[in-house]
Amino acid sequence: MKKLSKLQNIIYMAGALLLLVGAALYITRWIGAFYLYTIGACCFSVIQFQARYEGKNWVVKRLRRQQLLGALCLLATAVAMSMNTFHYGFAQRNEWMFTLCVGCVFQLYTAFRIPAELEKEGL
C-alpha cells in the first residue's frame, strides 16, 4: 500500500472521527450531525481513494475493491441522510442505516484482512 503523508493521515483520522460522531449524533435529530457526518465521510473516502495498492497480489486487490465499495457506501449514507433530513427523494425514513451498516461491514472486514495479507506478502 502507498504510504500516506502526515497531512493525509490527519485528514483521514479527523474524517473518521467526524464520521463516527456525526452518525452517533444523527439519532438525536440535531441538524449539525448530518453536516459532521458528511464532512467526515468525504474526508475519509477521499483519502481512501488516494491510498493505492501497486502490488500484484490479487487477494489484496480484491480486498482493496471491497474497501472502496465500503467508502462508496459511506458516501451513499450521506446522501440518504440528506434525503431524510431535508425530506426529499425516496429515502425519507431510516434507509441511511442500511447503507451505513453495509459500509461499516466492508470497512471493518478490510481493516483486518488487508494488513494480514500485506504481512504474508512481506510488506
PDB file of N, CA and C in Angstrom:
ATOM      1  N   MET A   1       0.844  -1.176   0.000  1.00  0.00           N
ATOM      2  CA  MET A   1       0.000   0.000   0.000  1.00  0.00           C
ATOM      3  C   MET A   1       0.890   1.240   0.000  1.00  0.00           C
ATOM      4  N   LYS A   2       0.419   2.241  -0.709  1.00  0.00           N
ATOM      5  CA  LYS A   2       1.126   3.508  -0.759  1.00  0.00           C
ATOM      6  C   LYS A   2       1.033   4.187   0.606  1.00  0.00           C
ATOM      7  N   LYS A   3       2.169   4.665   1.103  1.00  0.00           N
ATOM      8  CA  LYS A   3       2.187   5.352   2.396  1.00  0.00           C
ATOM      9  C   LYS A   3       1.514   6.710   2.266  1.00  0.00           C
ATOM     10  N   LEU A   4       0.761   7.067   3.276  1.00  0.00           N
ATOM     11  CA  LEU A   4       0.103   8.365   3.304  1.00  0.00           C
ATOM     12  C   LEU A   4       1.017   9.382   3.973  1.00  0.00           C
ATOM     13  N   SER A   5       0.919  10.636   3.530  1.00  0.00           N
ATOM     14  CA  SER A   5       1.697  11.695   4.164  1.00  0.00           C
ATOM     15  C   SER A   5       1.098  12.009   5.534  1.00  0.00           C
ATOM     16  N   LYS A   6       1.815  12.824   6.294  1.00  0.00           N
ATOM     17  CA  LYS A   6       1.334  13.180   7.628  1.00  0.00           C
ATOM     18  C   LYS A   6       0.011  13.940   7.536  1.00  0.00           C
ATOM     19  N   LEU A   7      -0.112  14.849   6.573  1.00  0.00           N
ATOM     20  CA  LEU A   7      -1.351  15.607   6.390  1.00  0.00           C
ATOM     21  C   LEU A   7      -2.505  14.680   6.007  1.00  0.00           C
ATOM     22  N   GLN A   8      -2.235  13.721   5.122  1.00  0.00           N
ATOM     23  CA  GLN A   8      -3.274  12.771   4.727  1.00  0.00           C
ATOM     24  C   GLN A   8      -3.728  11.926   5.915  1.00  0.00           C
ATOM     25  N   ASN A   9      -2.787  11.525   6.764  1.00  0.00           N
ATOM     26  CA  ASN A   9      -3.152  10.761   7.967  1.00  0.00           C
ATOM     27  C   ASN A   9      -4.028  11.581   8.908  1.00  0.00           C
ATOM     28  N   ILE A  10      -3.704  12.866   9.056  1.00  0.00           N
ATOM     29  CA  ILE A  10      -4.507  13.737   9.922  1.00  0.00           C
ATOM     30  C   ILE A  10      -5.913  13.890   9.359  1.00  0.00           C
ATOM     31  N   ILE A  11      -6.022  14.113   8.044  1.00  0.00           N
ATOM     32  CA  ILE A  11      -7.336  14.250   7.405  1.00  0.00           C
ATOM     33  C   ILE A  11      -8.123  12.950   7.537  1.00  0.00           C
ATOM     34  N   TYR A  12      -7.446  11.825   7.354  1.00  0.00           N
ATOM     35  CA  TYR A  12      -8.085  10.511   7.453  1.00  0.00           C
ATOM     36  C   TYR A  12      -8.645  10.274   8.858  1.00  0.00           C
ATOM     37  N   MET A  13      -7.839  10.540   9.871  1.00  0.00           N
ATOM     38  CA  MET A  13      -8.283  10.326  11.257  1.00  0.00           C
ATOM     39  C   MET A  13      -9.379  11.316  11.649  1.00  0.00           C
ATOM     40  N   ALA A  14      -9.235  12.572  11.240  1.00  0.00           N
ATOM     41  CA  ALA A  14     -10.270  13.568  11.543  1.00  0.00           C
ATOM     42  C   ALA A  14     -11.575  13.198  10.846  1.00  0.00           C
ATOM     43  N   GLY A  15     -11.473  12.727   9.609  1.00  0.00           N
ATOM     44  CA  GLY A  15     -12.666  12.293   8.879  1.00  0.00           C
ATOM     45  C   GLY A  15     -13.347  11.126   9.559  1.00  0.00           C
ATOM     46  N   ALA A  16     -12.556  10.173  10.025  1.00  0.00           N
ATOM     47  CA  ALA A  16     -13.129   9.013  10.721  1.00  0.00           C
ATOM     48  C   ALA A  16     -13.817   9.440  12.015  1.00  0.00           C
ATOM     49  N   LEU A  17     -13.206  10.370  12.738  1.00  0.00           N
ATOM     50  CA  LEU A  17     -13.801  10.852  13.984  1.00  0.00           C
ATOM     51  C   LEU A  17     -15.102  11.615  13.716  1.00  0.00           C
ATOM     52  N   LEU A  18     -15.089  12.505  12.715  1.00  0.00           N
ATOM     53  CA  LEU A  18     -16.303  13.249  12.365  1.00  0.00           C
ATOM     54  C   LEU A  18     -17.405  12.308  11.892  1.00  0.00           C
ATOM     55  N   LEU A  19     -17.019  11.307  11.129  1.00  0.00           N
ATOM     56  CA  LEU A  19     -17.981  10.321  10.633  1.00  0.00           C
ATOM     57  C   LEU A  19     -18.655   9.598  11.795  1.00  0.00           C
ATOM     58  N   LEU A  20     -17.869   9.173  12.747  1.00  0.00           N
ATOM     59  CA  LEU A  20     -18.398   8.456  13.909  1.00  0.00           C
ATOM     60  C   LEU A  20     -19.286   9.356  14.771  1.00  0.00           C
ATOM     61  N   VAL A  21     -18.817  10.561  15.063  1.00  0.00           N
ATOM     62  CA  VAL A  21     -19.591  11.490  15.896  1.00  0.00           C
ATOM     63  C   VAL A  21     -20.880  11.893  15.186  1.00  0.00           C
ATOM     64  N   GLY A  22     -20.779  12.166  13.881  1.00  0.00           N
ATOM     65  CA  GLY A  22     -21.968  12.549  13.124  1.00  0.00           C
ATOM     66  C   GLY A  22     -23.013  11.456  13.081  1.00  0.00           C
ATOM     67  N   ALA A  23     -22.581  10.213  12.898  1.00  0.00           N
ATOM     68  CA  ALA A  23     -23.532   9.094  12.863  1.00  0.00           C
ATOM     69  C   ALA A  23     -24.178   8.885  14.233  1.00  0.00           C
ATOM     70  N   ALA A  24     -23.396   9.038  15.296  1.00  0.00           N
ATOM     71  CA  ALA A  24     -23.950   8.853  16.644  1.00  0.00           C
ATOM     72  C   ALA A  24     -24.922   9.977  17.008  1.00  0.00           C
ATOM     73  N   LEU A  25     -24.589  11.202  16.635  1.00  0.00           N
ATOM     74  CA  LEU A  25     -25.453  12.337  16.972  1.00  0.00           C
ATOM     75  C   LEU A  25     -26.669  12.449  16.060  1.00  0.00           C
ATOM     76  N   TYR A  26     -26.620  11.816  14.901  1.00  0.00           N
ATOM     77  CA  TYR A  26     -27.745  11.923  13.965  1.00  0.00           C
ATOM     78  C   TYR A  26     -29.022  11.335  14.562  1.00  0.00           C
ATOM     79  N   ILE A  27     -28.869  10.393  15.443  1.00  0.00           N
ATOM     80  CA  ILE A  27     -30.024   9.770  16.085  1.00  0.00           C
ATOM     81  C   ILE A  27     -30.807  10.798  16.906  1.00  0.00           C
ATOM     82  N   THR A  28     -30.127  11.841  17.396  1.00  0.00           N
ATOM     83  CA  THR A  28     -30.783  12.877  18.194  1.00  0.00           C
ATOM     84  C   THR A  28     -31.548  13.882  17.335  1.00  0.00           C
ATOM     85  N   ARG A  29     -31.448  13.763  16.017  1.00  0.00           N
ATOM     86  CA  ARG A  29     -32.106  14.661  15.055  1.00  0.00           C
ATOM     87  C   ARG A  29     -31.536  16.083  15.060  1.00  0.00           C
ATOM     88  N   TRP A  30     -30.328  16.236  15.579  1.00  0.00           N
ATOM     89  CA  TRP A  30     -29.657  17.532  15.513  1.00  0.00           C
ATOM     90  C   TRP A  30     -29.164  17.727  14.082  1.00  0.00           C
ATOM     91  N   ILE A  31     -29.495  18.845  13.456  1.00  0.00           N
ATOM     92  CA  ILE A  31     -29.187  19.051  12.042  1.00  0.00           C
ATOM     93  C   ILE A  31     -27.680  19.098  11.781  1.00  0.00           C
ATOM     94  N   GLY A  32     -26.916  19.554  12.760  1.00  0.00           N
ATOM     95  CA  GLY A  32     -25.470  19.622  12.592  1.00  0.00           C
ATOM     96  C   GLY A  32     -24.819  18.256  12.454  1.00  0.00           C
ATOM     97  N   ALA A  33     -25.461  17.234  12.969  1.00  0.00           N
ATOM     98  CA  ALA A  33     -24.907  15.881  12.880  1.00  0.00           C
ATOM     99  C   ALA A  33     -24.799  15.432  11.429  1.00  0.00           C
ATOM    100  N   PHE A  34     -25.772  15.815  10.607  1.00  0.00           N
ATOM    101  CA  PHE A  34     -25.715  15.473   9.185  1.00  0.00           C
ATOM    102  C   PHE A  34     -24.477  16.093   8.540  1.00  0.00           C
ATOM    103  N   TYR A  35     -24.203  17.350   8.868  1.00  0.00           N
ATOM    104  CA  TYR A  35     -23.044  18.032   8.289  1.00  0.00           C
ATOM    105  C   TYR A  35     -21.739  17.431   8.797  1.00  0.00           C
ATOM    106  N   LEU A  36     -21.685  17.095  10.080  1.00  0.00           N
ATOM    107  CA  LEU A  36     -20.493  16.437  10.619  1.00  0.00           C
ATOM    108  C   LEU A  36     -20.236  15.118   9.896  1.00  0.00           C
ATOM    109  N   TYR A  37     -21.282  14.319   9.746  1.00  0.00           N
ATOM    110  CA  TYR A  37     -21.135  13.025   9.082  1.00  0.00           C
ATOM    111  C   TYR A  37     -20.679  13.208   7.635  1.00  0.00           C
ATOM    112  N   THR A  38     -21.304  14.140   6.925  1.00  0.00           N
ATOM    113  CA  THR A  38     -20.987  14.333   5.510  1.00  0.00           C
ATOM    114  C   THR A  38     -19.546  14.788   5.320  1.00  0.00           C
ATOM    115  N   ILE A  39     -19.098  15.737   6.116  1.00  0.00           N
ATOM    116  CA  ILE A  39     -17.706  16.196   6.020  1.00  0.00           C
ATOM    117  C   ILE A  39     -16.758  15.049   6.352  1.00  0.00           C
ATOM    118  N   GLY A  40     -17.065  14.304   7.403  1.00  0.00           N
ATOM    119  CA  GLY A  40     -16.225  13.170   7.782  1.00  0.00           C
ATOM    120  C   GLY A  40     -16.183  12.092   6.716  1.00  0.00           C
ATOM    121  N   ALA A  41     -17.337  11.772   6.134  1.00  0.00           N
ATOM    122  CA  ALA A  41     -17.386  10.742   5.092  1.00  0.00           C
ATOM    123  C   ALA A  41     -16.607  11.175   3.860  1.00  0.00           C
ATOM    124  N   CYS A  42     -16.705  12.445   3.502  1.00  0.00           N
ATOM    125  CA  CYS A  42     -15.961  12.941   2.335  1.00  0.00           C
ATOM    126  C   CYS A  42     -14.457  12.875   2.580  1.00  0.00           C
ATOM    127  N   CYS A  43     -14.001  13.348   3.737  1.00  0.00           N
ATOM    128  CA  CYS A  43     -12.569  13.304   4.058  1.00  0.00           C
ATOM    129  C   CYS A  43     -12.062  11.865   4.098  1.00  0.00           C
ATOM    130  N   PHE A  44     -12.777  11.013   4.787  1.00  0.00           N
ATOM    131  CA  PHE A  44     -12.394   9.614   4.943  1.00  0.00           C
ATOM    132  C   PHE A  44     -12.323   8.912   3.585  1.00  0.00           C
ATOM    133  N   SER A  45     -13.334   9.117   2.755  1.00  0.00           N
ATOM    134  CA  SER A  45     -13.401   8.435   1.461  1.00  0.00           C
ATOM    135  C   SER A  45     -12.347   8.946   0.488  1.00  0.00           C
ATOM    136  N   VAL A  46     -12.138  10.254   0.463  1.00  0.00           N
ATOM    137  CA  VAL A  46     -11.142  10.819  -0.456  1.00  0.00           C
ATOM    138  C   VAL A  46      -9.759  10.260  -0.154  1.00  0.00           C
ATOM    139  N   ILE A  47      -9.397  10.190   1.102  1.00  0.00           N
ATOM    140  CA  ILE A  47      -8.081   9.656   1.465  1.00  0.00           C
ATOM    141  C   ILE A  47      -8.006   8.164   1.141  1.00  0.00           C
ATOM    142  N   GLN A  48      -9.087   7.430   1.336  1.00  0.00           N
ATOM    143  CA  GLN A  48      -9.061   6.010   0.972  1.00  0.00           C
ATOM    144  C   GLN A  48      -8.889   5.829  -0.530  1.00  0.00           C
ATOM    145  N   PHE A  49      -9.496   6.692  -1.323  1.00  0.00           N
ATOM    146  CA  PHE A  49      -9.326   6.596  -2.770  1.00  0.00           C
ATOM    147  C   PHE A  49      -7.908   6.975  -3.193  1.00  0.00           C
ATOM    148  N   GLN A  50      -7.242   7.826  -2.426  1.00  0.00           N
ATOM    149  CA  GLN A  50      -5.882   8.235  -2.769  1.00  0.00           C
ATOM    150  C   GLN A  50      -4.844   7.180  -2.404  1.00  0.00           C
ATOM    151  N   ALA A  51      -5.103   6.378  -1.395  1.00  0.00           N
ATOM    152  CA  ALA A  51      -4.170   5.322  -0.992  1.00  0.00           C
ATOM    153  C   ALA A  51      -4.272   4.192  -2.011  1.00  0.00           C
ATOM    154  N   ARG A  52      -3.214   3.943  -2.714  1.00  0.00           N
ATOM    155  CA  ARG A  52      -3.243   2.951  -3.789  1.00  0.00           C
ATOM    156  C   ARG A  52      -2.425   1.716  -3.412  1.00  0.00           C
ATOM    157  N   TYR A  53      -2.781   0.618  -4.056  1.00  0.00           N
ATOM    158  CA  TYR A  53      -2.002  -0.614  -3.929  1.00  0.00           C
ATOM    159  C   TYR A  53      -1.406  -0.900  -5.296  1.00  0.00           C
ATOM    160  N   GLU A  54      -0.081  -0.943  -5.367  1.00  0.00           N
ATOM    161  CA  GLU A  54       0.585  -1.152  -6.643  1.00  0.00           C
ATOM    162  C   GLU A  54       1.191  -2.545  -6.780  1.00  0.00           C
ATOM    163  N   GLY A  55       0.881  -3.436  -5.863  1.00  0.00           N
ATOM    164  CA  GLY A  55       1.416  -4.787  -5.911  1.00  0.00           C
ATOM    165  C   GLY A  55       0.651  -5.682  -6.872  1.00  0.00           C
ATOM    166  N   LYS A  56       1.025  -6.954  -6.877  1.00  0.00           N
ATOM    167  CA  LYS A  56       0.422  -7.913  -7.799  1.00  0.00           C
ATOM    168  C   LYS A  56      -0.462  -8.949  -7.098  1.00  0.00           C
ATOM    169  N   ASN A  57      -0.588  -8.878  -5.793  1.00  0.00           N
ATOM    170  CA  ASN A  57      -1.378  -9.851  -5.043  1.00  0.00           C
ATOM    171  C   ASN A  57      -2.861  -9.634  -5.335  1.00  0.00           C
ATOM    172  N   TRP A  58      -3.503 -10.619  -5.944  1.00  0.00           N
ATOM    173  CA  TRP A  58      -4.907 -10.460  -6.343  1.00  0.00           C
ATOM    174  C   TRP A  58      -5.844 -10.428  -5.142  1.00  0.00           C
ATOM    175  N   VAL A  59      -5.429 -11.053  -4.023  1.00  0.00           N
ATOM    176  CA  VAL A  59      -6.269 -11.026  -2.819  1.00  0.00           C
ATOM    177  C   VAL A  59      -6.338  -9.600  -2.263  1.00  0.00           C
ATOM    178  N   VAL A  60      -5.197  -8.923  -2.218  1.00  0.00           N
ATOM    179  CA  VAL A  60      -5.175  -7.544  -1.725  1.00  0.00           C
ATOM    180  C   VAL A  60      -5.939  -6.633  -2.681  1.00  0.00           C
ATOM    181  N   LYS A  61      -5.824  -6.887  -3.977  1.00  0.00           N
ATOM    182  CA  LYS A  61      -6.583  -6.079  -4.946  1.00  0.00           C
ATOM    183  C   LYS A  61      -8.083  -6.250  -4.741  1.00  0.00           C
ATOM    184  N   ARG A  62      -8.520  -7.472  -4.475  1.00  0.00           N
ATOM    185  CA  ARG A  62      -9.942  -7.722  -4.222  1.00  0.00           C
ATOM    186  C   ARG A  62     -10.383  -7.035  -2.932  1.00  0.00           C
ATOM    187  N   LEU A  63      -9.569  -7.156  -1.889  1.00  0.00           N
ATOM    188  CA  LEU A  63      -9.891  -6.503  -0.621  1.00  0.00           C
ATOM    189  C   LEU A  63      -9.916  -4.987  -0.771  1.00  0.00           C
ATOM    190  N   ARG A  64      -9.024  -4.478  -1.587  1.00  0.00           N
ATOM    191  CA  ARG A  64      -8.983  -3.027  -1.829  1.00  0.00           C
ATOM    192  C   ARG A  64     -10.261  -2.559  -2.523  1.00  0.00           C
ATOM    193  N   ARG A  65     -10.754  -3.346  -3.488  1.00  0.00           N
ATOM    194  CA  ARG A  65     -12.028  -3.003  -4.145  1.00  0.00           C
ATOM    195  C   ARG A  65     -13.174  -3.035  -3.139  1.00  0.00           C
ATOM    196  N   GLN A  66     -13.142  -3.999  -2.232  1.00  0.00           N
ATOM    197  CA  GLN A  66     -14.179  -4.054  -1.198  1.00  0.00           C
ATOM    198  C   GLN A  66     -14.092  -2.841  -0.274  1.00  0.00           C
ATOM    199  N   GLN A  67     -12.878  -2.421   0.028  1.00  0.00           N
ATOM    200  CA  GLN A  67     -12.697  -1.245   0.871  1.00  0.00           C
ATOM    201  C   GLN A  67     -13.257   0.004   0.185  1.00  0.00           C
ATOM    202  N   LEU A  68     -13.010   0.134  -1.106  1.00  0.00           N
ATOM    203  CA  LEU A  68     -13.533   1.285  -1.845  1.00  0.00           C
ATOM    204  C   LEU A  68     -15.049   1.218  -1.968  1.00  0.00           C
ATOM    205  N   LEU A  69     -15.594   0.021  -2.083  1.00  0.00           N
ATOM    206  CA  LEU A  69     -17.052  -0.132  -2.092  1.00  0.00           C
ATOM    207  C   LEU A  69     -17.632   0.304  -0.745  1.00  0.00           C
ATOM    208  N   GLY A  70     -16.944  -0.017   0.332  1.00  0.00           N
ATOM    209  CA  GLY A  70     -17.365   0.440   1.653  1.00  0.00           C
ATOM    210  C   GLY A  70     -17.336   1.957   1.762  1.00  0.00           C
ATOM    211  N   ALA A  71     -16.311   2.582   1.177  1.00  0.00           N
ATOM    212  CA  ALA A  71     -16.236   4.046   1.181  1.00  0.00           C
ATOM    213  C   ALA A  71     -17.391   4.645   0.385  1.00  0.00           C
ATOM    214  N   LEU A  72     -17.738   4.018  -0.733  1.00  0.00           N
ATOM    215  CA  LEU A  72     -18.885   4.497  -1.515  1.00  0.00           C
ATOM    216  C   LEU A  72     -20.186   4.340  -0.735  1.00  0.00           C
ATOM    217  N   CYS A  73     -20.299   3.268   0.031  1.00  0.00           N
ATOM    218  CA  CYS A  73     -21.493   3.086   0.877  1.00  0.00           C
ATOM    219  C   CYS A  73     -21.579   4.176   1.939  1.00  0.00           C
ATOM    220  N   LEU A  74     -20.438   4.578   2.487  1.00  0.00           N
ATOM    221  CA  LEU A  74     -20.450   5.656   3.475  1.00  0.00           C
ATOM    222  C   LEU A  74     -20.888   6.972   2.840  1.00  0.00           C
ATOM    223  N   LEU A  75     -20.478   7.204   1.590  1.00  0.00           N
ATOM    224  CA  LEU A  75     -20.933   8.404   0.880  1.00  0.00           C
ATOM    225  C   LEU A  75     -22.417   8.309   0.544  1.00  0.00           C
ATOM    226  N   ALA A  76     -22.875   7.113   0.178  1.00  0.00           N
ATOM    227  CA  ALA A  76     -24.307   6.923  -0.097  1.00  0.00           C
ATOM    228  C   ALA A  76     -25.130   7.149   1.170  1.00  0.00           C
ATOM    229  N   THR A  77     -24.550   6.845   2.316  1.00  0.00           N
ATOM    230  CA  THR A  77     -25.228   7.109   3.582  1.00  0.00           C
ATOM    231  C   THR A  77     -25.447   8.604   3.769  1.00  0.00           C
ATOM    232  N   ALA A  78     -24.454   9.405   3.385  1.00  0.00           N
ATOM    233  CA  ALA A  78     -24.606  10.862   3.492  1.00  0.00           C
ATOM    234  C   ALA A  78     -25.743  11.351   2.605  1.00  0.00           C
ATOM    235  N   VAL A  79     -25.870  10.775   1.411  1.00  0.00           N
ATOM    236  CA  VAL A  79     -26.966  11.155   0.511  1.00  0.00           C
ATOM    237  C   VAL A  79     -28.311  10.758   1.121  1.00  0.00           C
ATOM    238  N   ALA A  80     -28.388   9.540   1.654  1.00  0.00           N
ATOM    239  CA  ALA A  80     -29.640   9.085   2.273  1.00  0.00           C
ATOM    240  C   ALA A  80     -29.980   9.911   3.511  1.00  0.00           C
ATOM    241  N   MET A  81     -28.957  10.319   4.262  1.00  0.00           N
ATOM    242  CA  MET A  81     -29.200  11.184   5.419  1.00  0.00           C
ATOM    243  C   MET A  81     -29.752  12.537   4.984  1.00  0.00           C
ATOM    244  N   SER A  82     -29.228  13.061   3.878  1.00  0.00           N
ATOM    245  CA  SER A  82     -29.730  14.360   3.404  1.00  0.00           C
ATOM    246  C   SER A  82     -31.185  14.241   2.968  1.00  0.00           C
ATOM    247  N   MET A  83     -31.542  13.125   2.328  1.00  0.00           N
ATOM    248  CA  MET A  83     -32.943  12.917   1.944  1.00  0.00           C
ATOM    249  C   MET A  83     -33.837  12.834   3.177  1.00  0.00           C
ATOM    250  N   ASN A  84     -33.340  12.188   4.216  1.00  0.00           N
ATOM    251  CA  ASN A  84     -34.097  12.063   5.456  1.00  0.00           C
ATOM    252  C   ASN A  84     -34.194  13.410   6.173  1.00  0.00           C
ATOM    253  N   THR A  85     -33.093  14.156   6.202  1.00  0.00           N
ATOM    254  CA  THR A  85     -33.059  15.424   6.922  1.00  0.00           C
ATOM    255  C   THR A  85     -33.913  16.493   6.252  1.00  0.00           C
ATOM    256  N   PHE A  86     -33.806  16.588   4.918  1.00  0.00           N
ATOM    257  CA  PHE A  86     -34.472  17.674   4.192  1.00  0.00           C
ATOM    258  C   PHE A  86     -35.746  17.231   3.475  1.00  0.00           C
ATOM    259  N   HIS A  87     -36.179  15.999   3.700  1.00  0.00           N
ATOM    260  CA  HIS A  87     -37.460  15.464   3.221  1.00  0.00           C
ATOM    261  C   HIS A  87     -37.641  15.592   1.705  1.00  0.00           C
ATOM    262  N   TYR A  88     -36.748  14.969   0.962  1.00  0.00           N
ATOM    263  CA  TYR A  88     -36.897  14.881  -0.487  1.00  0.00           C
ATOM    264  C   TYR A  88     -36.416  13.503  -0.927  1.00  0.00           C
ATOM    265  N   GLY A  89     -36.731  13.123  -2.141  1.00  0.00           N
ATOM    266  CA  GLY A  89     -36.262  11.855  -2.682  1.00  0.00           C
ATOM    267  C   GLY A  89     -36.989  10.656  -2.097  1.00  0.00           C
ATOM    268  N   PHE A  90     -36.401   9.502  -2.314  1.00  0.00           N
ATOM    269  CA  PHE A  90     -37.050   8.239  -1.934  1.00  0.00           C
ATOM    270  C   PHE A  90     -36.657   7.755  -0.542  1.00  0.00           C
ATOM    271  N   ALA A  91     -35.572   8.240   0.019  1.00  0.00           N
ATOM    272  CA  ALA A  91     -35.070   7.729   1.301  1.00  0.00           C
ATOM    273  C   ALA A  91     -35.432   8.685   2.429  1.00  0.00           C
ATOM    274  N   GLN A  92     -36.698   8.719   2.800  1.00  0.00           N
ATOM    275  CA  GLN A  92     -37.133   9.678   3.808  1.00  0.00           C
ATOM    276  C   GLN A  92     -37.336   9.058   5.182  1.00  0.00           C
ATOM    277  N   ARG A  93     -37.040   7.814   5.319  1.00  0.00           N
ATOM    278  CA  ARG A  93     -37.160   7.189   6.644  1.00  0.00           C
ATOM    279  C   ARG A  93     -35.756   6.905   7.158  1.00  0.00           C
ATOM    280  N   ASN A  94     -35.455   5.670   7.496  1.00  0.00           N
ATOM    281  CA  ASN A  94     -34.138   5.340   8.040  1.00  0.00           C
ATOM    282  C   ASN A  94     -33.342   4.438   7.109  1.00  0.00           C
ATOM    283  N   GLU A  95     -33.450   4.672   5.803  1.00  0.00           N
ATOM    284  CA  GLU A  95     -32.690   3.878   4.843  1.00  0.00           C
ATOM    285  C   GLU A  95     -31.188   4.092   4.987  1.00  0.00           C
ATOM    286  N   TRP A  96     -30.798   5.219   5.547  1.00  0.00           N
ATOM    287  CA  TRP A  96     -29.384   5.516   5.716  1.00  0.00           C
ATOM    288  C   TRP A  96     -28.708   4.489   6.626  1.00  0.00           C
ATOM    289  N   MET A  97     -29.465   3.879   7.521  1.00  0.00           N
ATOM    290  CA  MET A  97     -28.883   2.877   8.421  1.00  0.00           C
ATOM    291  C   MET A  97     -28.402   1.646   7.653  1.00  0.00           C
ATOM    292  N   PHE A  98     -29.122   1.282   6.598  1.00  0.00           N
ATOM    293  CA  PHE A  98     -28.731   0.116   5.805  1.00  0.00           C
ATOM    294  C   PHE A  98     -27.391   0.359   5.114  1.00  0.00           C
ATOM    295  N   THR A  99     -27.261   1.492   4.423  1.00  0.00           N
ATOM    296  CA  THR A  99     -26.005   1.762   3.717  1.00  0.00           C
ATOM    297  C   THR A  99     -24.858   1.957   4.706  1.00  0.00           C
ATOM    298  N   LEU A 100     -25.157   2.530   5.860  1.00  0.00           N
ATOM    299  CA  LEU A 100     -24.124   2.690   6.884  1.00  0.00           C
ATOM    300  C   LEU A 100     -23.639   1.332   7.383  1.00  0.00           C
ATOM    301  N   CYS A 101     -24.557   0.416   7.646  1.00  0.00           N
ATOM    302  CA  CYS A 101     -24.176  -0.924   8.122  1.00  0.00           C
ATOM    303  C   CYS A 101     -23.364  -1.686   7.082  1.00  0.00           C
ATOM    304  N   VAL A 102     -23.786  -1.620   5.828  1.00  0.00           N
ATOM    305  CA  VAL A 102     -23.045  -2.308   4.763  1.00  0.00           C
ATOM    306  C   VAL A 102     -21.643  -1.717   4.635  1.00  0.00           C
ATOM    307  N   GLY A 103     -21.550  -0.397   4.628  1.00  0.00           N
ATOM    308  CA  GLY A 103     -20.247   0.258   4.536  1.00  0.00           C
ATOM    309  C   GLY A 103     -19.350  -0.086   5.706  1.00  0.00           C
ATOM    310  N   CYS A 104     -19.919  -0.131   6.906  1.00  0.00           N
ATOM    311  CA  CYS A 104     -19.130  -0.465   8.094  1.00  0.00           C
ATOM    312  C   CYS A 104     -18.630  -1.904   8.063  1.00  0.00           C
ATOM    313  N   VAL A 105     -19.454  -2.813   7.577  1.00  0.00           N
ATOM    314  CA  VAL A 105     -19.026  -4.216   7.475  1.00  0.00           C
ATOM    315  C   VAL A 105     -17.844  -4.331   6.514  1.00  0.00           C
ATOM    316  N   PHE A 106     -17.940  -3.692   5.354  1.00  0.00           N
ATOM    317  CA  PHE A 106     -16.825  -3.723   4.397  1.00  0.00           C
ATOM    318  C   PHE A 106     -15.570  -3.086   4.992  1.00  0.00           C
ATOM    319  N   GLN A 107     -15.719  -1.946   5.646  1.00  0.00           N
ATOM    320  CA  GLN A 107     -14.564  -1.258   6.219  1.00  0.00           C
ATOM    321  C   GLN A 107     -13.923  -2.087   7.332  1.00  0.00           C
ATOM    322  N   LEU A 108     -14.740  -2.663   8.176  1.00  0.00           N
ATOM    323  CA  LEU A 108     -14.218  -3.458   9.289  1.00  0.00           C
ATOM    324  C   LEU A 108     -13.507  -4.713   8.787  1.00  0.00           C
ATOM    325  N   TYR A 109     -14.118  -5.398   7.828  1.00  0.00           N
ATOM    326  CA  TYR A 109     -13.523  -6.617   7.277  1.00  0.00           C
ATOM    327  C   TYR A 109     -12.173  -6.322   6.626  1.00  0.00           C
ATOM    328  N   THR A 110     -12.141  -5.292   5.797  1.00  0.00           N
ATOM    329  CA  THR A 110     -10.891  -4.990   5.090  1.00  0.00           C
ATOM    330  C   THR A 110      -9.839  -4.387   6.014  1.00  0.00           C
ATOM    331  N   ALA A 111     -10.256  -3.747   7.104  1.00  0.00           N
ATOM    332  CA  ALA A 111      -9.287  -3.178   8.049  1.00  0.00           C
ATOM    333  C   ALA A 111      -8.435  -4.265   8.698  1.00  0.00           C
ATOM    334  N   PHE A 112      -8.991  -5.461   8.844  1.00  0.00           N
ATOM    335  CA  PHE A 112      -8.229  -6.561   9.425  1.00  0.00           C
ATOM    336  C   PHE A 112      -7.555  -7.427   8.369  1.00  0.00           C
ATOM    337  N   ARG A 113      -8.208  -7.614   7.240  1.00  0.00           N
ATOM    338  CA  ARG A 113      -7.698  -8.541   6.227  1.00  0.00           C
ATOM    339  C   ARG A 113      -6.551  -7.961   5.402  1.00  0.00           C
ATOM    340  N   ILE A 114      -6.606  -6.693   5.040  1.00  0.00           N
ATOM    341  CA  ILE A 114      -5.547  -6.111   4.209  1.00  0.00           C
ATOM    342  C   ILE A 114      -4.198  -6.151   4.929  1.00  0.00           C
ATOM    343  N   PRO A 115      -4.088  -5.695   6.179  1.00  0.00           N
ATOM    344  CA  PRO A 115      -2.779  -5.803   6.848  1.00  0.00           C
ATOM    345  C   PRO A 115      -2.290  -7.243   6.990  1.00  0.00           C
ATOM    346  N   ALA A 116      -3.198  -8.181   7.212  1.00  0.00           N
ATOM    347  CA  ALA A 116      -2.794  -9.586   7.325  1.00  0.00           C
ATOM    348  C   ALA A 116      -2.233 -10.094   6.000  1.00  0.00           C
ATOM    349  N   GLU A 117      -2.867  -9.727   4.898  1.00  0.00           N
ATOM    350  CA  GLU A 117      -2.376 -10.153   3.583  1.00  0.00           C
ATOM    351  C   GLU A 117      -1.058  -9.470   3.237  1.00  0.00           C
ATOM    352  N   LEU A 118      -0.921  -8.200   3.582  1.00  0.00           N
ATOM    353  CA  LEU A 118       0.337  -7.500   3.319  1.00  0.00           C
ATOM    354  C   LEU A 118       1.466  -8.083   4.158  1.00  0.00           C
ATOM    355  N   GLU A 119       1.151  -8.530   5.365  1.00  0.00           N
ATOM    356  CA  GLU A 119       2.157  -9.164   6.213  1.00  0.00           C
ATOM    357  C   GLU A 119       2.608 -10.490   5.611  1.00  0.00           C
ATOM    358  N   LYS A 120       1.662 -11.258   5.070  1.00  0.00           N
ATOM    359  CA  LYS A 120       2.011 -12.516   4.396  1.00  0.00           C
ATOM    360  C   LYS A 120       2.909 -12.251   3.198  1.00  0.00           C
ATOM    361  N   GLU A 121       2.612 -11.150   2.502  1.00  0.00           N
ATOM    362  CA  GLU A 121       3.373 -10.786   1.310  1.00  0.00           C
ATOM    363  C   GLU A 121       4.762 -10.274   1.675  1.00  0.00           C
ATOM    364  N   GLY A 122       4.916  -9.810   2.914  1.00  0.00           N
ATOM    365  CA  GLY A 122       6.213  -9.330   3.365  1.00  0.00           C
ATOM    366  C   GLY A 122       6.388  -7.837   3.214  1.00  0.00           C
ATOM    367  N   LEU A 123       5.305  -7.092   3.167  1.00  0.00           N
ATOM    368  CA  LEU A 123       5.408  -5.635   3.039  1.00  0.00           C
ATOM    369  C   LEU A 123       5.199  -4.952   4.358  1.00  0.00           C
TER     370      LEU A 123
END
